[in-house]
């Protein structure tokens, strides 16, 4: 699996948008009240989530062709399910698990392969 997206929970979306646009050197490809996404060339997508848990920190989402199989394999390897698979728009699916130390791991299955 390859890293697909790093989602950063933010308190102030406008301030975060300005900072990450400067940091990444690209305009957002999507700029909505619920998500701002950047796609810097040669890097994973960086998304800003104003509804995320700031205390939990960023979540790295790993791209998989089969979210259910990847989720089952991680749980069998000791991960604890956090959020079951759900559609985040256009048929894209995400789910999260926690590792043994409590860190969040995200899984992403795109409706269209973006690789």
C-alpha atoms as a PDB file:
ATOM      1  CA  UNK A   1       0.000   0.000   0.000  1.00  0.00           C
ATOM      2  CA  UNK A   2       1.190   3.511  -0.762  1.00  0.00           C
ATOM      3  CA  UNK A   3       0.503   6.653   1.227  1.00  0.00           C
ATOM      4  CA  UNK A   4      -2.450   8.368  -0.437  1.00  0.00           C
ATOM      5  CA  UNK A   5      -3.422  11.238   1.869  1.00  0.00           C
ATOM      6  CA  UNK A   6      -2.316  12.886   5.062  1.00  0.00           C
ATOM      7  CA  UNK A   7      -5.289  14.552   6.738  1.00  0.00           C
ATOM      8  CA  UNK A   8      -4.544  17.300   9.235  1.00  0.00           C
ATOM      9  CA  UNK A   9      -7.298  18.259  11.698  1.00  0.00           C
ATOM     10  CA  UNK A  10      -7.432  22.052  12.085  1.00  0.00           C
ATOM     11  CA  UNK A  11      -9.277  24.530  14.288  1.00  0.00           C
ATOM     12  CA  UNK A  12      -9.090  27.510  11.905  1.00  0.00           C
ATOM     13  CA  UNK A  13      -9.547  26.402   8.302  1.00  0.00           C
ATOM     14  CA  UNK A  14      -8.757  29.812   6.792  1.00  0.00           C
ATOM     15  CA  UNK A  15      -5.487  30.189   8.708  1.00  0.00           C
ATOM     16  CA  UNK A  16      -4.495  26.578   7.983  1.00  0.00           C
ATOM     17  CA  UNK A  17      -5.293  26.983   4.260  1.00  0.00           C
ATOM     18  CA  UNK A  18      -2.960  29.987   4.008  1.00  0.00           C
ATOM     19  CA  UNK A  19      -0.160  28.268   5.908  1.00  0.00           C
ATOM     20  CA  UNK A  20      -0.318  24.959   4.016  1.00  0.00           C
ATOM     21  CA  UNK A  21      -0.651  26.700   0.649  1.00  0.00           C
ATOM     22  CA  UNK A  22       2.600  28.530   1.441  1.00  0.00           C
ATOM     23  CA  UNK A  23       4.253  25.379   2.784  1.00  0.00           C
ATOM     24  CA  UNK A  24       3.259  23.167  -0.153  1.00  0.00           C
ATOM     25  CA  UNK A  25       3.563  25.805  -2.887  1.00  0.00           C
ATOM     26  CA  UNK A  26       0.297  24.827  -4.609  1.00  0.00           C
ATOM     27  CA  UNK A  27      -3.283  26.059  -4.691  1.00  0.00           C
ATOM     28  CA  UNK A  28      -5.932  23.742  -3.215  1.00  0.00           C
ATOM     29  CA  UNK A  29      -7.553  21.459  -5.776  1.00  0.00           C
ATOM     30  CA  UNK A  30     -10.661  21.421  -3.569  1.00  0.00           C
ATOM     31  CA  UNK A  31     -11.655  24.187  -1.183  1.00  0.00           C
ATOM     32  CA  UNK A  32     -14.858  23.459   0.708  1.00  0.00           C
ATOM     33  CA  UNK A  33     -16.042  24.326   4.233  1.00  0.00           C
ATOM     34  CA  UNK A  34     -15.611  20.657   5.246  1.00  0.00           C
ATOM     35  CA  UNK A  35     -12.247  19.925   3.529  1.00  0.00           C
ATOM     36  CA  UNK A  36      -9.398  21.700   1.777  1.00  0.00           C
ATOM     37  CA  UNK A  37      -7.138  19.442  -0.273  1.00  0.00           C
ATOM     38  CA  UNK A  38      -3.728  20.018  -1.810  1.00  0.00           C
ATOM     39  CA  UNK A  39      -1.958  17.770  -4.320  1.00  0.00           C
ATOM     40  CA  UNK A  40       1.715  18.758  -4.410  1.00  0.00           C
ATOM     41  CA  UNK A  41       3.575  17.150  -7.298  1.00  0.00           C
ATOM     42  CA  UNK A  42       5.309  13.917  -6.320  1.00  0.00           C
ATOM     43  CA  UNK A  43       3.761  13.864  -2.835  1.00  0.00           C
ATOM     44  CA  UNK A  44       0.667  12.461  -1.165  1.00  0.00           C
ATOM     45  CA  UNK A  45      -2.403  14.642  -0.943  1.00  0.00           C
ATOM     46  CA  UNK A  46      -2.512  16.864   2.138  1.00  0.00           C
ATOM     47  CA  UNK A  47      -6.024  17.552   3.407  1.00  0.00           C
ATOM     48  CA  UNK A  48      -7.244  19.963   6.054  1.00  0.00           C
ATOM     49  CA  UNK A  49     -10.196  18.757   8.120  1.00  0.00           C
ATOM     50  CA  UNK A  50     -11.966  21.358  10.285  1.00  0.00           C
ATOM     51  CA  UNK A  51     -14.057  18.600  11.891  1.00  0.00           C
ATOM     52  CA  UNK A  52     -11.173  16.300  12.831  1.00  0.00           C
ATOM     53  CA  UNK A  53      -9.791  15.658  16.294  1.00  0.00           C
ATOM     54  CA  UNK A  54      -6.929  18.143  16.689  1.00  0.00           C
ATOM     55  CA  UNK A  55      -5.682  16.309  19.789  1.00  0.00           C
ATOM     56  CA  UNK A  56      -5.348  13.068  17.796  1.00  0.00           C
ATOM     57  CA  UNK A  57      -3.085  14.738  15.220  1.00  0.00           C
ATOM     58  CA  UNK A  58      -2.759  14.018  11.501  1.00  0.00           C
ATOM     59  CA  UNK A  59      -3.919  10.719  10.025  1.00  0.00           C
ATOM     60  CA  UNK A  60      -1.979   9.030   7.231  1.00  0.00           C
ATOM     61  CA  UNK A  61      -4.281   7.248   4.777  1.00  0.00           C
ATOM     62  CA  UNK A  62      -2.838   4.303   2.896  1.00  0.00           C
ATOM     63  CA  UNK A  63      -4.209   3.537  -0.571  1.00  0.00           C
ATOM     64  CA  UNK A  64      -5.578   0.049  -1.060  1.00  0.00           C
ATOM     65  CA  UNK A  65      -7.443  -1.610  -3.886  1.00  0.00           C
ATOM     66  CA  UNK A  66      -9.532  -3.651  -1.415  1.00  0.00           C
ATOM     67  CA  UNK A  67     -10.378  -1.758   1.757  1.00  0.00           C
ATOM     68  CA  UNK A  68     -12.266  -4.632   3.385  1.00  0.00           C
ATOM     69  CA  UNK A  69      -9.384  -7.088   2.867  1.00  0.00           C
ATOM     70  CA  UNK A  70      -6.784  -4.586   4.108  1.00  0.00           C
ATOM     71  CA  UNK A  71      -8.921  -3.796   7.143  1.00  0.00           C
ATOM     72  CA  UNK A  72      -9.355  -7.495   7.960  1.00  0.00           C
ATOM     73  CA  UNK A  73      -5.603  -8.116   7.581  1.00  0.00           C
ATOM     74  CA  UNK A  74      -4.714  -5.233   9.914  1.00  0.00           C
ATOM     75  CA  UNK A  75      -7.238  -6.358  12.540  1.00  0.00           C
ATOM     76  CA  UNK A  76      -5.856  -9.905  12.307  1.00  0.00           C
ATOM     77  CA  UNK A  77      -2.383  -8.415  12.856  1.00  0.00           C
ATOM     78  CA  UNK A  78      -3.513  -6.684  16.050  1.00  0.00           C
ATOM     79  CA  UNK A  79      -5.116  -3.397  14.995  1.00  0.00           C
ATOM     80  CA  UNK A  80      -8.311  -2.226  16.672  1.00  0.00           C
ATOM     81  CA  UNK A  81     -11.099  -0.950  14.386  1.00  0.00           C
ATOM     82  CA  UNK A  82     -11.802   2.750  14.992  1.00  0.00           C
ATOM     83  CA  UNK A  83     -14.176   3.786  12.206  1.00  0.00           C
ATOM     84  CA  UNK A  84     -15.778   1.351   9.800  1.00  0.00           C
ATOM     85  CA  UNK A  85     -15.600   1.851   6.035  1.00  0.00           C
ATOM     86  CA  UNK A  86     -17.724   4.730   4.818  1.00  0.00           C
ATOM     87  CA  UNK A  87     -18.164   6.757   1.646  1.00  0.00           C
ATOM     88  CA  UNK A  88     -16.594  10.218   1.736  1.00  0.00           C
ATOM     89  CA  UNK A  89     -17.919  11.251  -1.671  1.00  0.00           C
ATOM     90  CA  UNK A  90     -17.878  10.039  -5.255  1.00  0.00           C
ATOM     91  CA  UNK A  91     -17.612   6.417  -4.091  1.00  0.00           C
ATOM     92  CA  UNK A  92     -14.278   6.910  -2.299  1.00  0.00           C
ATOM     93  CA  UNK A  93     -14.106   4.887   0.913  1.00  0.00           C
ATOM     94  CA  UNK A  94     -12.104   5.398   4.094  1.00  0.00           C
ATOM     95  CA  UNK A  95     -11.750   3.527   7.369  1.00  0.00           C
ATOM     96  CA  UNK A  96      -9.462   3.872  10.380  1.00  0.00           C
ATOM     97  CA  UNK A  97      -7.863   1.497  12.863  1.00  0.00           C
ATOM     98  CA  UNK A  98      -5.568   2.014  15.856  1.00  0.00           C
ATOM     99  CA  UNK A  99      -2.252   0.278  16.311  1.00  0.00           C
ATOM    100  CA  UNK A 100      -1.188  -1.237  19.652  1.00  0.00           C
ATOM    101  CA  UNK A 101       0.037   2.185  20.828  1.00  0.00           C
ATOM    102  CA  UNK A 102      -3.210   3.924  19.941  1.00  0.00           C
ATOM    103  CA  UNK A 103      -2.036   5.673  16.759  1.00  0.00           C
ATOM    104  CA  UNK A 104      -4.607   6.128  14.022  1.00  0.00           C
ATOM    105  CA  UNK A 105      -3.997   4.451  10.665  1.00  0.00           C
ATOM    106  CA  UNK A 106      -6.241   5.375   7.760  1.00  0.00           C
ATOM    107  CA  UNK A 107      -7.176   3.264   4.759  1.00  0.00           C
ATOM    108  CA  UNK A 108      -8.400   4.741   1.473  1.00  0.00           C
ATOM    109  CA  UNK A 109     -10.022   2.968  -1.475  1.00  0.00           C
ATOM    110  CA  UNK A 110     -10.744   5.205  -4.422  1.00  0.00           C
ATOM    111  CA  UNK A 111     -13.686   4.699  -6.706  1.00  0.00           C
ATOM    112  CA  UNK A 112     -11.252   5.602  -9.511  1.00  0.00           C
ATOM    113  CA  UNK A 113      -7.608   4.539  -9.357  1.00  0.00           C
ATOM    114  CA  UNK A 114      -5.543   7.761  -9.083  1.00  0.00           C
ATOM    115  CA  UNK A 115      -2.097   6.152  -9.218  1.00  0.00           C
END
